[in-house]
Amino acid sequence: MEGVAMALRRSADFNGRSQRMQYWMFQLALFLLYLLIAVLVVPFVRLSGGDGWTAAYSLRALVQIVLLIPLVAIQVRRFHDQDRSGWFVLLNLIPFVGGLIVLLFMCLEGTRGDNRFGPVPAA
């Protein structure tokens, strides 16, 4: 969970590099948070007589808005780890395939040794 804590501490830091493990731990934490929202919010709201899925989607949208900057920042640092420009994050905006392209980049190993964006991130 250190990767999640590191991502949140550096939530607005677009400089430097981040390891693959930090990125994927952040993604895992997001997934677990969304799962927790679905598991806890939907039954609770349905018991109170409301539409549970609407409440869950609304809460998830709020979480996504709050965590948008940290997610973009960690993607930029992952691109920096591969010695690529952070502007590659804009590939996410390509309809249908942009997210897949970025996903493939996030799976790639970073450069060995120092690069123009800084030293190798601490393990």
N, C-alpha and C. Protein backbone atom coordinates (compact mmCIF):
# COMPACT_ATOMS: atom_id res chain seq x y z
N MET A 1 0.81 -1.20 0.00
CA MET A 1 0.00 0.00 0.00
C MET A 1 0.85 1.27 0.00
N GLU A 2 2.16 1.07 0.06
CA GLU A 2 3.07 2.22 0.02
C GLU A 2 2.95 2.95 -1.32
N GLY A 3 2.68 2.19 -2.38
CA GLY A 3 2.52 2.82 -3.69
C GLY A 3 1.34 3.77 -3.73
N VAL A 4 0.25 3.41 -3.05
CA VAL A 4 -0.93 4.26 -3.00
C VAL A 4 -0.63 5.51 -2.18
N ALA A 5 0.02 5.32 -1.04
CA ALA A 5 0.38 6.47 -0.20
C ALA A 5 1.31 7.41 -0.94
N MET A 6 2.28 6.85 -1.66
CA MET A 6 3.21 7.68 -2.43
C MET A 6 2.47 8.45 -3.53
N ALA A 7 1.54 7.78 -4.21
CA ALA A 7 0.77 8.45 -5.27
C ALA A 7 -0.07 9.59 -4.71
N LEU A 8 -0.65 9.38 -3.55
CA LEU A 8 -1.48 10.44 -2.96
C LEU A 8 -0.63 11.57 -2.40
N ARG A 9 0.54 11.25 -1.86
CA ARG A 9 1.44 12.31 -1.38
C ARG A 9 1.93 13.17 -2.53
N ARG A 10 2.16 12.55 -3.67
CA ARG A 10 2.65 13.28 -4.85
C ARG A 10 1.51 13.53 -5.83
N SER A 11 0.31 13.79 -5.31
CA SER A 11 -0.88 13.85 -6.15
C SER A 11 -0.86 14.98 -7.18
N ALA A 12 -0.11 16.02 -6.94
CA ALA A 12 -0.06 17.12 -7.92
C ALA A 12 1.37 17.33 -8.41
N ASP A 13 2.20 16.31 -8.26
CA ASP A 13 3.60 16.40 -8.68
C ASP A 13 3.74 15.70 -10.03
N PHE A 14 3.97 16.49 -11.06
CA PHE A 14 4.10 15.95 -12.41
C PHE A 14 5.57 15.79 -12.82
N ASN A 15 6.47 15.91 -11.86
CA ASN A 15 7.90 15.78 -12.13
C ASN A 15 8.40 14.47 -11.55
N GLY A 16 9.47 13.98 -12.11
CA GLY A 16 10.08 12.76 -11.59
C GLY A 16 9.53 11.52 -12.26
N ARG A 17 9.74 10.40 -11.59
CA ARG A 17 9.39 9.10 -12.15
C ARG A 17 8.64 8.28 -11.12
N SER A 18 7.82 7.34 -11.60
CA SER A 18 7.12 6.39 -10.73
C SER A 18 7.27 5.00 -11.31
N GLN A 19 7.42 4.04 -10.43
CA GLN A 19 7.56 2.65 -10.86
C GLN A 19 6.22 2.07 -11.29
N ARG A 20 6.29 0.96 -12.00
CA ARG A 20 5.08 0.26 -12.39
C ARG A 20 4.27 -0.16 -11.18
N MET A 21 4.96 -0.65 -10.14
CA MET A 21 4.26 -1.13 -8.95
C MET A 21 3.45 -0.01 -8.30
N GLN A 22 3.97 1.20 -8.25
CA GLN A 22 3.23 2.32 -7.68
C GLN A 22 1.96 2.58 -8.48
N TYR A 23 2.09 2.56 -9.80
CA TYR A 23 0.93 2.80 -10.66
C TYR A 23 -0.13 1.72 -10.45
N TRP A 24 0.29 0.46 -10.48
CA TRP A 24 -0.69 -0.62 -10.39
C TRP A 24 -1.29 -0.74 -9.00
N MET A 25 -0.54 -0.40 -7.97
CA MET A 25 -1.12 -0.38 -6.62
C MET A 25 -2.16 0.72 -6.51
N PHE A 26 -1.91 1.86 -7.14
CA PHE A 26 -2.89 2.94 -7.16
C PHE A 26 -4.16 2.49 -7.90
N GLN A 27 -3.99 1.81 -9.03
CA GLN A 27 -5.13 1.30 -9.78
C GLN A 27 -5.91 0.26 -8.97
N LEU A 28 -5.20 -0.61 -8.26
CA LEU A 28 -5.85 -1.61 -7.42
C LEU A 28 -6.65 -0.94 -6.31
N ALA A 29 -6.08 0.08 -5.70
CA ALA A 29 -6.80 0.80 -4.64
C ALA A 29 -8.06 1.46 -5.19
N LEU A 30 -7.98 2.03 -6.39
CA LEU A 30 -9.17 2.61 -7.02
C LEU A 30 -10.25 1.56 -7.26
N PHE A 31 -9.82 0.42 -7.78
CA PHE A 31 -10.77 -0.67 -8.04
C PHE A 31 -11.44 -1.12 -6.75
N LEU A 32 -10.65 -1.29 -5.69
CA LEU A 32 -11.22 -1.72 -4.41
C LEU A 32 -12.15 -0.66 -3.83
N LEU A 33 -11.82 0.59 -4.02
CA LEU A 33 -12.69 1.67 -3.57
C LEU A 33 -14.02 1.64 -4.31
N TYR A 34 -13.98 1.46 -5.63
CA TYR A 34 -15.22 1.37 -6.41
C TYR A 34 -16.04 0.14 -6.01
N LEU A 35 -15.36 -0.96 -5.74
CA LEU A 35 -16.05 -2.17 -5.30
C LEU A 35 -16.70 -1.95 -3.94
N LEU A 36 -15.99 -1.28 -3.05
CA LEU A 36 -16.53 -0.98 -1.72
C LEU A 36 -17.77 -0.08 -1.84
N ILE A 37 -17.72 0.89 -2.74
CA ILE A 37 -18.88 1.76 -2.96
C ILE A 37 -20.08 0.92 -3.41
N ALA A 38 -19.86 0.02 -4.35
CA ALA A 38 -20.96 -0.80 -4.86
C ALA A 38 -21.50 -1.74 -3.79
N VAL A 39 -20.62 -2.33 -3.00
CA VAL A 39 -21.03 -3.32 -2.00
C VAL A 39 -21.74 -2.65 -0.82
N LEU A 40 -21.29 -1.48 -0.42
CA LEU A 40 -21.87 -0.84 0.76
C LEU A 40 -23.02 0.11 0.43
N VAL A 41 -22.88 0.89 -0.62
CA VAL A 41 -23.87 1.93 -0.91
C VAL A 41 -25.16 1.35 -1.48
N VAL A 42 -25.06 0.45 -2.43
CA VAL A 42 -26.25 -0.06 -3.11
C VAL A 42 -27.23 -0.72 -2.13
N PRO A 43 -26.81 -1.68 -1.31
CA PRO A 43 -27.78 -2.29 -0.38
C PRO A 43 -28.33 -1.29 0.64
N PHE A 44 -27.48 -0.40 1.14
CA PHE A 44 -27.92 0.57 2.14
C PHE A 44 -28.99 1.49 1.57
N VAL A 45 -28.78 1.99 0.36
CA VAL A 45 -29.75 2.91 -0.25
C VAL A 45 -31.02 2.16 -0.63
N ARG A 46 -30.90 0.93 -1.09
CA ARG A 46 -32.09 0.15 -1.44
C ARG A 46 -32.93 -0.14 -0.21
N LEU A 47 -32.29 -0.39 0.92
CA LEU A 47 -33.04 -0.63 2.15
C LEU A 47 -33.81 0.62 2.58
N SER A 48 -33.27 1.77 2.26
CA SER A 48 -33.95 3.01 2.62
C SER A 48 -34.98 3.43 1.57
N GLY A 49 -35.14 2.62 0.54
CA GLY A 49 -36.19 2.87 -0.43
C GLY A 49 -35.77 3.65 -1.66
N GLY A 50 -34.50 3.88 -1.86
CA GLY A 50 -34.03 4.63 -3.02
C GLY A 50 -33.44 3.73 -4.08
N ASP A 51 -32.97 4.35 -5.13
CA ASP A 51 -32.30 3.61 -6.20
C ASP A 51 -30.82 3.53 -5.87
N GLY A 52 -30.37 2.37 -5.45
CA GLY A 52 -29.00 2.19 -4.99
C GLY A 52 -27.95 2.42 -6.06
N TRP A 53 -28.26 2.02 -7.30
CA TRP A 53 -27.26 2.15 -8.35
C TRP A 53 -27.01 3.61 -8.70
N THR A 54 -28.05 4.41 -8.67
CA THR A 54 -27.87 5.84 -8.95
C THR A 54 -26.97 6.48 -7.90
N ALA A 55 -27.18 6.13 -6.66
CA ALA A 55 -26.34 6.66 -5.58
C ALA A 55 -24.90 6.19 -5.73
N ALA A 56 -24.73 4.91 -6.07
CA ALA A 56 -23.38 4.36 -6.23
C ALA A 56 -22.66 5.03 -7.40
N TYR A 57 -23.35 5.22 -8.52
CA TYR A 57 -22.73 5.87 -9.67
C TYR A 57 -22.37 7.32 -9.36
N SER A 58 -23.24 8.00 -8.62
CA SER A 58 -22.96 9.38 -8.25
C SER A 58 -21.75 9.48 -7.35
N LEU A 59 -21.66 8.59 -6.37
CA LEU A 59 -20.51 8.59 -5.47
C LEU A 59 -19.24 8.22 -6.22
N ARG A 60 -19.34 7.26 -7.14
CA ARG A 60 -18.17 6.88 -7.93
C ARG A 60 -17.70 8.04 -8.81
N ALA A 61 -18.64 8.77 -9.39
CA ALA A 61 -18.29 9.93 -10.22
C ALA A 61 -17.58 10.98 -9.37
N LEU A 62 -18.06 11.18 -8.15
CA LEU A 62 -17.42 12.14 -7.25
C LEU A 62 -15.99 11.71 -6.92
N VAL A 63 -15.80 10.42 -6.66
CA VAL A 63 -14.46 9.90 -6.37
C VAL A 63 -13.56 10.07 -7.59
N GLN A 64 -14.08 9.82 -8.78
CA GLN A 64 -13.28 9.97 -9.99
C GLN A 64 -12.86 11.42 -10.21
N ILE A 65 -13.75 12.35 -9.92
CA ILE A 65 -13.40 13.76 -10.07
C ILE A 65 -12.31 14.15 -9.08
N VAL A 66 -12.44 13.68 -7.83
CA VAL A 66 -11.45 14.01 -6.80
C VAL A 66 -10.09 13.41 -7.12
N LEU A 67 -10.08 12.20 -7.67
CA LEU A 67 -8.82 11.49 -7.91
C LEU A 67 -8.31 11.64 -9.35
N LEU A 68 -8.91 12.52 -10.13
CA LEU A 68 -8.47 12.71 -11.51
C LEU A 68 -7.04 13.26 -11.58
N ILE A 69 -6.74 14.29 -10.81
CA ILE A 69 -5.40 14.89 -10.85
C ILE A 69 -4.34 13.88 -10.37
N PRO A 70 -4.55 13.15 -9.24
CA PRO A 70 -3.54 12.15 -8.87
C PRO A 70 -3.35 11.06 -9.92
N LEU A 71 -4.42 10.66 -10.60
CA LEU A 71 -4.30 9.63 -11.63
C LEU A 71 -3.50 10.14 -12.82
N VAL A 72 -3.78 11.35 -13.26
CA VAL A 72 -3.02 11.93 -14.38
C VAL A 72 -1.56 12.12 -13.97
N ALA A 73 -1.33 12.57 -12.74
CA ALA A 73 0.04 12.79 -12.28
C ALA A 73 0.85 11.49 -12.27
N ILE A 74 0.25 10.41 -11.80
CA ILE A 74 1.01 9.15 -11.75
C ILE A 74 1.22 8.60 -13.16
N GLN A 75 0.28 8.84 -14.08
CA GLN A 75 0.50 8.42 -15.46
C GLN A 75 1.63 9.22 -16.10
N VAL A 76 1.68 10.51 -15.82
CA VAL A 76 2.77 11.35 -16.35
C VAL A 76 4.10 10.84 -15.82
N ARG A 77 4.17 10.54 -14.53
CA ARG A 77 5.43 10.05 -13.96
C ARG A 77 5.80 8.68 -14.51
N ARG A 78 4.80 7.82 -14.85
CA ARG A 78 5.10 6.53 -15.49
C ARG A 78 5.69 6.75 -16.89
N PHE A 79 5.13 7.70 -17.64
CA PHE A 79 5.71 8.02 -18.95
C PHE A 79 7.13 8.55 -18.78
N HIS A 80 7.35 9.37 -17.76
CA HIS A 80 8.70 9.87 -17.50
C HIS A 80 9.65 8.71 -17.18
N ASP A 81 9.16 7.69 -16.48
CA ASP A 81 9.99 6.54 -16.15
C ASP A 81 10.45 5.82 -17.42
N GLN A 82 9.66 5.92 -18.47
CA GLN A 82 10.00 5.29 -19.75
C GLN A 82 10.74 6.27 -20.66
N ASP A 83 11.14 7.42 -20.12
CA ASP A 83 11.84 8.47 -20.87
C ASP A 83 10.98 9.02 -22.01
N ARG A 84 9.68 9.13 -21.75
CA ARG A 84 8.74 9.72 -22.70
C ARG A 84 8.16 10.98 -22.09
N SER A 85 7.67 11.85 -22.93
CA SER A 85 7.04 13.08 -22.48
C SER A 85 5.73 12.77 -21.75
N GLY A 86 5.42 13.58 -20.76
CA GLY A 86 4.17 13.43 -20.04
C GLY A 86 2.96 13.75 -20.89
N TRP A 87 3.17 14.42 -22.01
CA TRP A 87 2.07 14.75 -22.90
C TRP A 87 1.45 13.50 -23.53
N PHE A 88 2.10 12.36 -23.41
CA PHE A 88 1.53 11.11 -23.91
C PHE A 88 0.22 10.78 -23.19
N VAL A 89 -0.01 11.39 -22.03
CA VAL A 89 -1.26 11.18 -21.29
C VAL A 89 -2.46 11.59 -22.15
N LEU A 90 -2.24 12.53 -23.05
CA LEU A 90 -3.33 12.97 -23.92
C LEU A 90 -3.83 11.88 -24.86
N LEU A 91 -3.09 10.79 -24.97
CA LEU A 91 -3.58 9.65 -25.76
C LEU A 91 -4.89 9.12 -25.19
N ASN A 92 -5.12 9.33 -23.89
CA ASN A 92 -6.38 8.91 -23.27
C ASN A 92 -7.59 9.54 -23.94
N LEU A 93 -7.40 10.66 -24.59
CA LEU A 93 -8.52 11.38 -25.19
C LEU A 93 -8.94 10.83 -26.55
N ILE A 94 -8.18 9.91 -27.11
CA ILE A 94 -8.54 9.29 -28.39
C ILE A 94 -9.69 8.31 -28.12
N PRO A 95 -10.82 8.51 -28.77
CA PRO A 95 -11.97 7.63 -28.51
C PRO A 95 -11.66 6.17 -28.83
N PHE A 96 -12.18 5.29 -28.00
CA PHE A 96 -12.13 3.84 -28.15
C PHE A 96 -10.76 3.22 -27.91
N VAL A 97 -9.71 3.72 -28.53
CA VAL A 97 -8.41 3.04 -28.43
C VAL A 97 -7.39 3.77 -27.56
N GLY A 98 -7.64 5.02 -27.21
CA GLY A 98 -6.67 5.79 -26.45
C GLY A 98 -6.35 5.18 -25.10
N GLY A 99 -7.38 4.76 -24.39
CA GLY A 99 -7.17 4.12 -23.09
C GLY A 99 -6.38 2.83 -23.19
N LEU A 100 -6.62 2.08 -24.25
CA LEU A 100 -5.87 0.83 -24.45
C LEU A 100 -4.40 1.10 -24.75
N ILE A 101 -4.15 2.14 -25.54
CA ILE A 101 -2.77 2.50 -25.85
C ILE A 101 -2.03 2.89 -24.58
N VAL A 102 -2.67 3.72 -23.76
CA VAL A 102 -2.04 4.13 -22.50
C VAL A 102 -1.84 2.93 -21.59
N LEU A 103 -2.82 2.01 -21.56
CA LEU A 103 -2.68 0.80 -20.75
C LEU A 103 -1.45 0.01 -21.17
N LEU A 104 -1.23 -0.11 -22.46
CA LEU A 104 -0.04 -0.82 -22.94
C LEU A 104 1.24 -0.12 -22.51
N PHE A 105 1.26 1.21 -22.59
CA PHE A 105 2.43 1.96 -22.14
C PHE A 105 2.66 1.78 -20.63
N MET A 106 1.59 1.70 -19.86
CA MET A 106 1.73 1.55 -18.41
C MET A 106 2.31 0.19 -18.04
N CYS A 107 2.18 -0.78 -18.94
CA CYS A 107 2.72 -2.12 -18.68
C CYS A 107 4.21 -2.23 -19.02
N LEU A 108 4.72 -1.28 -19.79
CA LEU A 108 6.12 -1.34 -20.20
C LEU A 108 7.07 -1.02 -19.05
N GLU A 109 8.23 -1.62 -19.10
CA GLU A 109 9.26 -1.37 -18.10
C GLU A 109 9.86 0.01 -18.31
N GLY A 110 10.27 0.64 -17.22
CA GLY A 110 10.93 1.94 -17.31
C GLY A 110 12.37 1.78 -17.76
N THR A 111 13.00 2.89 -18.07
CA THR A 111 14.40 2.84 -18.50
C THR A 111 15.28 2.48 -17.32
N ARG A 112 16.32 1.75 -17.60
CA ARG A 112 17.28 1.38 -16.55
C ARG A 112 18.23 2.55 -16.34
N GLY A 113 18.48 2.85 -15.11
CA GLY A 113 19.38 3.95 -14.80
C GLY A 113 18.67 5.29 -14.91
N ASP A 114 19.45 6.32 -14.74
CA ASP A 114 18.92 7.68 -14.78
C ASP A 114 18.50 8.04 -16.21
N ASN A 115 17.50 8.91 -16.32
CA ASN A 115 17.13 9.45 -17.61
C ASN A 115 16.91 10.95 -17.46
N ARG A 116 16.40 11.60 -18.47
CA ARG A 116 16.28 13.07 -18.43
C ARG A 116 15.26 13.55 -17.42
N PHE A 117 14.45 12.65 -16.86
CA PHE A 117 13.44 13.05 -15.88
C PHE A 117 13.86 12.76 -14.44
N GLY A 118 15.04 12.20 -14.27
CA GLY A 118 15.54 12.00 -12.92
C GLY A 118 16.12 10.62 -12.70
N PRO A 119 16.51 10.37 -11.45
CA PRO A 119 17.09 9.07 -11.12
C PRO A 119 16.02 7.98 -11.06
N VAL A 120 16.47 6.75 -10.99
CA VAL A 120 15.57 5.62 -10.87
C VAL A 120 14.77 5.77 -9.57
N PRO A 121 13.44 5.58 -9.63
CA PRO A 121 12.64 5.70 -8.40
C PRO A 121 13.05 4.65 -7.38
N ALA A 122 12.98 5.01 -6.12
CA ALA A 122 13.35 4.08 -5.05
C ALA A 122 12.39 2.91 -5.05
N ALA A 123 12.94 1.73 -4.80
CA ALA A 123 12.11 0.51 -4.77
C ALA A 123 11.28 0.46 -3.52
